[in-house]
Amino acid sequence: MRKHAIFSGDIMREEGGFTDEQIAIAEQHHEMMDGSGYSKGLKGDDINPYARMTAVADVYDALTAKRVYKPAMPMHQALMLLHKNRGTEFYEHFVDLFVKTLGIYPVGSVVELTTKERAVVCEPNPDNSHKPTVGIFTMPNQKERAAPFVCNLSRRSEAEGREVAKILDPDKVGIDVEELMEEIKARGERSERRRR
């Protein structure tokens, strides 16, 4: 298994048409800044910058993917693990960029708001990762909304004091994130219906 990176590089060289950077990504994406990775045990600046960048995304993907031998790790926990290992296993700058791009609450994260409403993150906010755009799918009493309300938490006029209070595990609260995202895309409303 640990030889797949070297085999990939060999195949790419034999086939031709790949840049040095592409081959380096294939060969070095499991190398870690502290030398604890594989296949060659490279460390620090000996690892191609593109491979260092790819290593962050590769580990995040491996952690958050459901496998037959393990459940998927919640996205926020995977981000915390990457952050914990920045500067040791991962190049700090690339972890910071990755987290900024995804946001503290990556797309698909299920959250509870300060109002007790439940929502799913639809878009990150690179300017303020604490205030993403969310699709609110329940009322404060946990009853389902007639249609999801799409709310940009960074806009005071929309958010009306709402903030993310905590992250929920979709499996534990019985939420099918993909289905919910499709519903928000199809039926999400940009203005909140007011009860009379």
Protein backbone atom coordinates (compact mmCIF):
# COMPACT_ATOMS: atom_id res chain seq x y z
CA MET A 1 0.00 0.00 0.00
CA ARG A 2 2.75 2.49 0.92
CA LYS A 3 4.43 1.95 -2.46
CA HIS A 4 1.48 3.29 -4.48
CA ALA A 5 2.94 6.80 -4.50
CA ILE A 6 6.22 5.63 -6.05
CA PHE A 7 4.42 3.36 -8.54
CA SER A 8 2.22 6.31 -9.56
CA GLY A 9 5.25 8.48 -10.25
CA ASP A 10 6.90 5.70 -12.28
CA ILE A 11 3.75 5.20 -14.36
CA MET A 12 3.43 8.93 -14.99
CA ARG A 13 7.06 9.16 -16.17
CA GLU A 14 6.59 6.14 -18.48
CA GLU A 15 3.36 7.53 -19.96
CA GLY A 16 4.81 11.01 -20.38
CA GLY A 17 2.94 14.28 -20.67
CA PHE A 18 3.00 15.09 -16.94
CA THR A 19 4.75 18.06 -15.37
CA ASP A 20 7.37 17.66 -12.66
CA GLU A 21 4.87 19.17 -10.20
CA GLN A 22 2.21 16.61 -11.09
CA ILE A 23 4.66 13.76 -10.62
CA ALA A 24 5.86 15.25 -7.31
CA ILE A 25 2.25 15.42 -6.08
CA ALA A 26 1.72 11.75 -6.93
CA GLU A 27 4.98 10.67 -5.30
CA GLN A 28 5.09 12.95 -2.26
CA HIS A 29 1.50 13.57 -1.10
CA HIS A 30 2.00 11.22 1.89
CA GLU A 31 5.23 12.89 3.02
CA MET A 32 4.98 14.92 6.24
CA MET A 33 6.90 18.06 7.23
CA ASP A 34 8.49 16.29 10.22
CA GLY A 35 9.70 13.33 8.10
CA SER A 36 7.10 10.90 9.51
CA GLY A 37 5.41 10.30 6.16
CA TYR A 38 6.16 7.90 3.34
CA SER A 39 7.39 6.75 0.73
CA LYS A 40 10.84 8.32 1.08
CA GLY A 41 10.59 9.94 4.53
CA LEU A 42 11.20 13.41 3.09
CA LYS A 43 10.88 16.37 5.41
CA GLY A 44 10.47 20.13 5.30
CA ASP A 45 11.56 21.92 2.15
CA ASP A 46 12.59 18.62 0.52
CA ILE A 47 8.87 18.08 -0.13
CA ASN A 48 7.50 19.81 -3.22
CA PRO A 49 5.18 22.72 -2.24
CA TYR A 50 2.35 21.30 -4.38
CA ALA A 51 2.69 17.95 -2.62
CA ARG A 52 2.62 19.72 0.78
CA MET A 53 -0.60 21.43 -0.25
CA THR A 54 -2.10 18.19 -1.54
CA ALA A 55 -1.18 16.35 1.68
CA VAL A 56 -3.52 18.61 3.66
CA ALA A 57 -6.46 17.94 1.32
CA ASP A 58 -5.65 14.22 1.09
CA VAL A 59 -5.64 13.72 4.87
CA TYR A 60 -8.83 15.76 5.26
CA ASP A 61 -10.53 13.62 2.60
CA ALA A 62 -9.32 10.39 4.20
CA LEU A 63 -10.56 11.45 7.63
CA THR A 64 -13.98 12.64 6.49
CA ALA A 65 -14.71 9.73 4.13
CA LYS A 66 -16.77 6.80 5.32
CA ARG A 67 -14.94 3.52 4.74
CA VAL A 68 -15.91 -0.10 5.35
CA TYR A 69 -13.38 -0.19 8.18
CA LYS A 70 -14.23 3.18 9.81
CA PRO A 71 -16.97 5.78 10.06
CA ALA A 72 -16.45 9.25 8.62
CA MET A 73 -14.96 11.74 11.06
CA PRO A 74 -17.08 14.89 11.39
CA MET A 75 -15.64 17.68 9.25
CA HIS A 76 -14.97 20.06 12.13
CA GLN A 77 -13.00 17.36 13.98
CA ALA A 78 -10.90 16.70 10.89
CA LEU A 79 -10.14 20.42 10.61
CA MET A 80 -9.17 20.54 14.29
CA LEU A 81 -6.82 17.59 13.77
CA LEU A 82 -5.18 19.29 10.78
CA HIS A 83 -4.83 22.48 12.79
CA LYS A 84 -3.33 20.58 15.73
CA ASN A 85 -0.69 19.09 13.41
CA ARG A 86 0.18 22.28 11.53
CA GLY A 87 3.86 23.00 11.82
CA THR A 88 4.69 19.37 12.57
CA GLU A 89 3.11 17.13 9.93
CA PHE A 90 1.69 19.88 7.73
CA TYR A 91 3.04 23.16 6.48
CA GLU A 92 1.29 25.86 8.55
CA HIS A 93 0.49 28.19 5.67
CA PHE A 94 -1.31 25.48 3.67
CA VAL A 95 -3.39 24.37 6.67
CA ASP A 96 -4.38 27.99 7.27
CA LEU A 97 -5.37 28.45 3.61
CA PHE A 98 -7.32 25.19 3.61
CA VAL A 99 -9.26 26.13 6.75
CA LYS A 100 -9.91 29.63 5.41
CA THR A 101 -11.21 28.20 2.14
CA LEU A 102 -13.50 25.64 3.78
CA GLY A 103 -14.35 27.78 6.78
CA ILE A 104 -14.55 26.60 10.36
CA TYR A 105 -17.92 25.16 9.39
CA PRO A 106 -17.40 23.44 6.02
CA VAL A 107 -20.24 23.15 3.53
CA GLY A 108 -22.52 20.34 4.68
CA SER A 109 -21.87 20.89 8.41
CA VAL A 110 -25.05 20.57 10.45
CA VAL A 111 -25.25 23.24 13.14
CA GLU A 112 -27.54 24.48 15.86
CA LEU A 113 -27.99 28.23 16.04
CA THR A 114 -28.28 30.38 19.15
CA THR A 115 -32.03 30.47 18.47
CA LYS A 116 -32.17 26.63 18.77
CA GLU A 117 -32.95 26.38 15.05
CA ARG A 118 -31.03 23.74 13.11
CA ALA A 119 -29.28 24.52 9.86
CA VAL A 120 -26.82 23.17 7.35
CA VAL A 121 -23.91 25.25 6.05
CA CYS A 122 -24.41 26.12 2.37
CA GLU A 123 -21.49 28.50 1.73
CA PRO A 124 -18.36 29.36 3.69
CA ASN A 125 -17.53 32.97 4.43
CA PRO A 126 -13.82 33.56 3.77
CA ASP A 127 -14.03 37.00 5.41
CA ASN A 128 -15.53 35.67 8.65
CA SER A 129 -15.54 31.88 8.97
CA HIS A 130 -17.76 32.09 12.07
CA LYS A 131 -20.62 33.48 9.97
CA PRO A 132 -21.31 31.24 6.96
CA THR A 133 -24.46 31.14 4.85
CA VAL A 134 -26.78 28.46 6.21
CA GLY A 135 -30.01 26.78 5.21
CA ILE A 136 -32.23 26.78 8.30
CA PHE A 137 -34.49 23.74 8.21
CA THR A 138 -36.19 23.77 11.62
CA MET A 139 -37.97 26.28 13.81
CA PRO A 140 -36.64 26.92 17.36
CA ASN A 141 -39.03 24.20 18.63
CA GLN A 142 -37.35 21.71 16.22
CA LYS A 143 -40.41 21.46 13.95
CA GLU A 144 -39.52 21.40 10.29
CA ARG A 145 -39.94 24.62 8.33
CA ALA A 146 -42.33 24.61 5.36
CA ALA A 147 -39.31 25.58 3.24
CA PRO A 148 -35.69 26.04 4.30
CA PHE A 149 -34.63 29.62 4.96
CA VAL A 150 -31.27 30.52 3.41
CA CYS A 151 -29.58 33.01 5.72
CA ASN A 152 -26.23 34.76 5.48
CA LEU A 153 -25.17 34.98 9.13
CA SER A 154 -22.80 37.86 8.36
CA ARG A 155 -25.70 40.12 7.31
CA ARG A 156 -27.32 41.52 10.42
CA SER A 157 -30.58 42.21 8.59
CA GLU A 158 -30.87 38.52 7.68
CA ALA A 159 -29.29 36.91 10.72
CA GLU A 160 -31.35 38.84 13.29
CA GLY A 161 -28.96 37.81 16.06
CA ARG A 162 -28.52 34.22 14.89
CA GLU A 163 -25.07 32.70 15.34
CA VAL A 164 -23.72 29.18 15.26
CA ALA A 165 -23.94 27.77 18.78
CA LYS A 166 -22.66 24.25 18.15
CA ILE A 167 -21.96 21.64 15.52
CA LEU A 168 -24.18 18.57 15.38
CA ASP A 169 -23.33 15.07 14.19
CA PRO A 170 -25.79 14.48 11.30
CA ASP A 171 -25.91 10.73 11.99
CA LYS A 172 -26.80 11.25 15.65
CA VAL A 173 -29.60 13.71 14.85
CA GLY A 174 -30.92 11.69 11.88
CA ILE A 175 -30.09 14.18 9.11
CA ASP A 176 -29.33 13.14 5.52
CA VAL A 177 -27.08 16.05 4.55
CA GLU A 178 -27.10 15.36 0.80
CA GLU A 179 -30.89 15.19 0.71
CA LEU A 180 -31.16 18.35 2.79
CA MET A 181 -28.70 20.24 0.55
CA GLU A 182 -30.77 19.25 -2.48
CA GLU A 183 -33.94 20.49 -0.78
CA ILE A 184 -32.30 23.81 0.07
CA LYS A 185 -31.11 24.16 -3.51
CA ALA A 186 -34.56 23.38 -4.90
CA ARG A 187 -36.85 25.04 -2.34
CA GLY A 188 -34.72 27.31 -0.16
CA GLU A 189 -36.12 30.79 0.36
CA ARG A 190 -33.99 33.91 0.73
CA SER A 191 -36.53 35.73 2.86
CA GLU A 192 -38.15 34.41 5.99
CA ARG A 193 -41.88 33.79 6.08
CA ARG A 194 -43.45 35.70 8.90
CA ARG A 195 -46.20 34.14 10.96
CA ARG A 196 -49.26 36.30 11.50
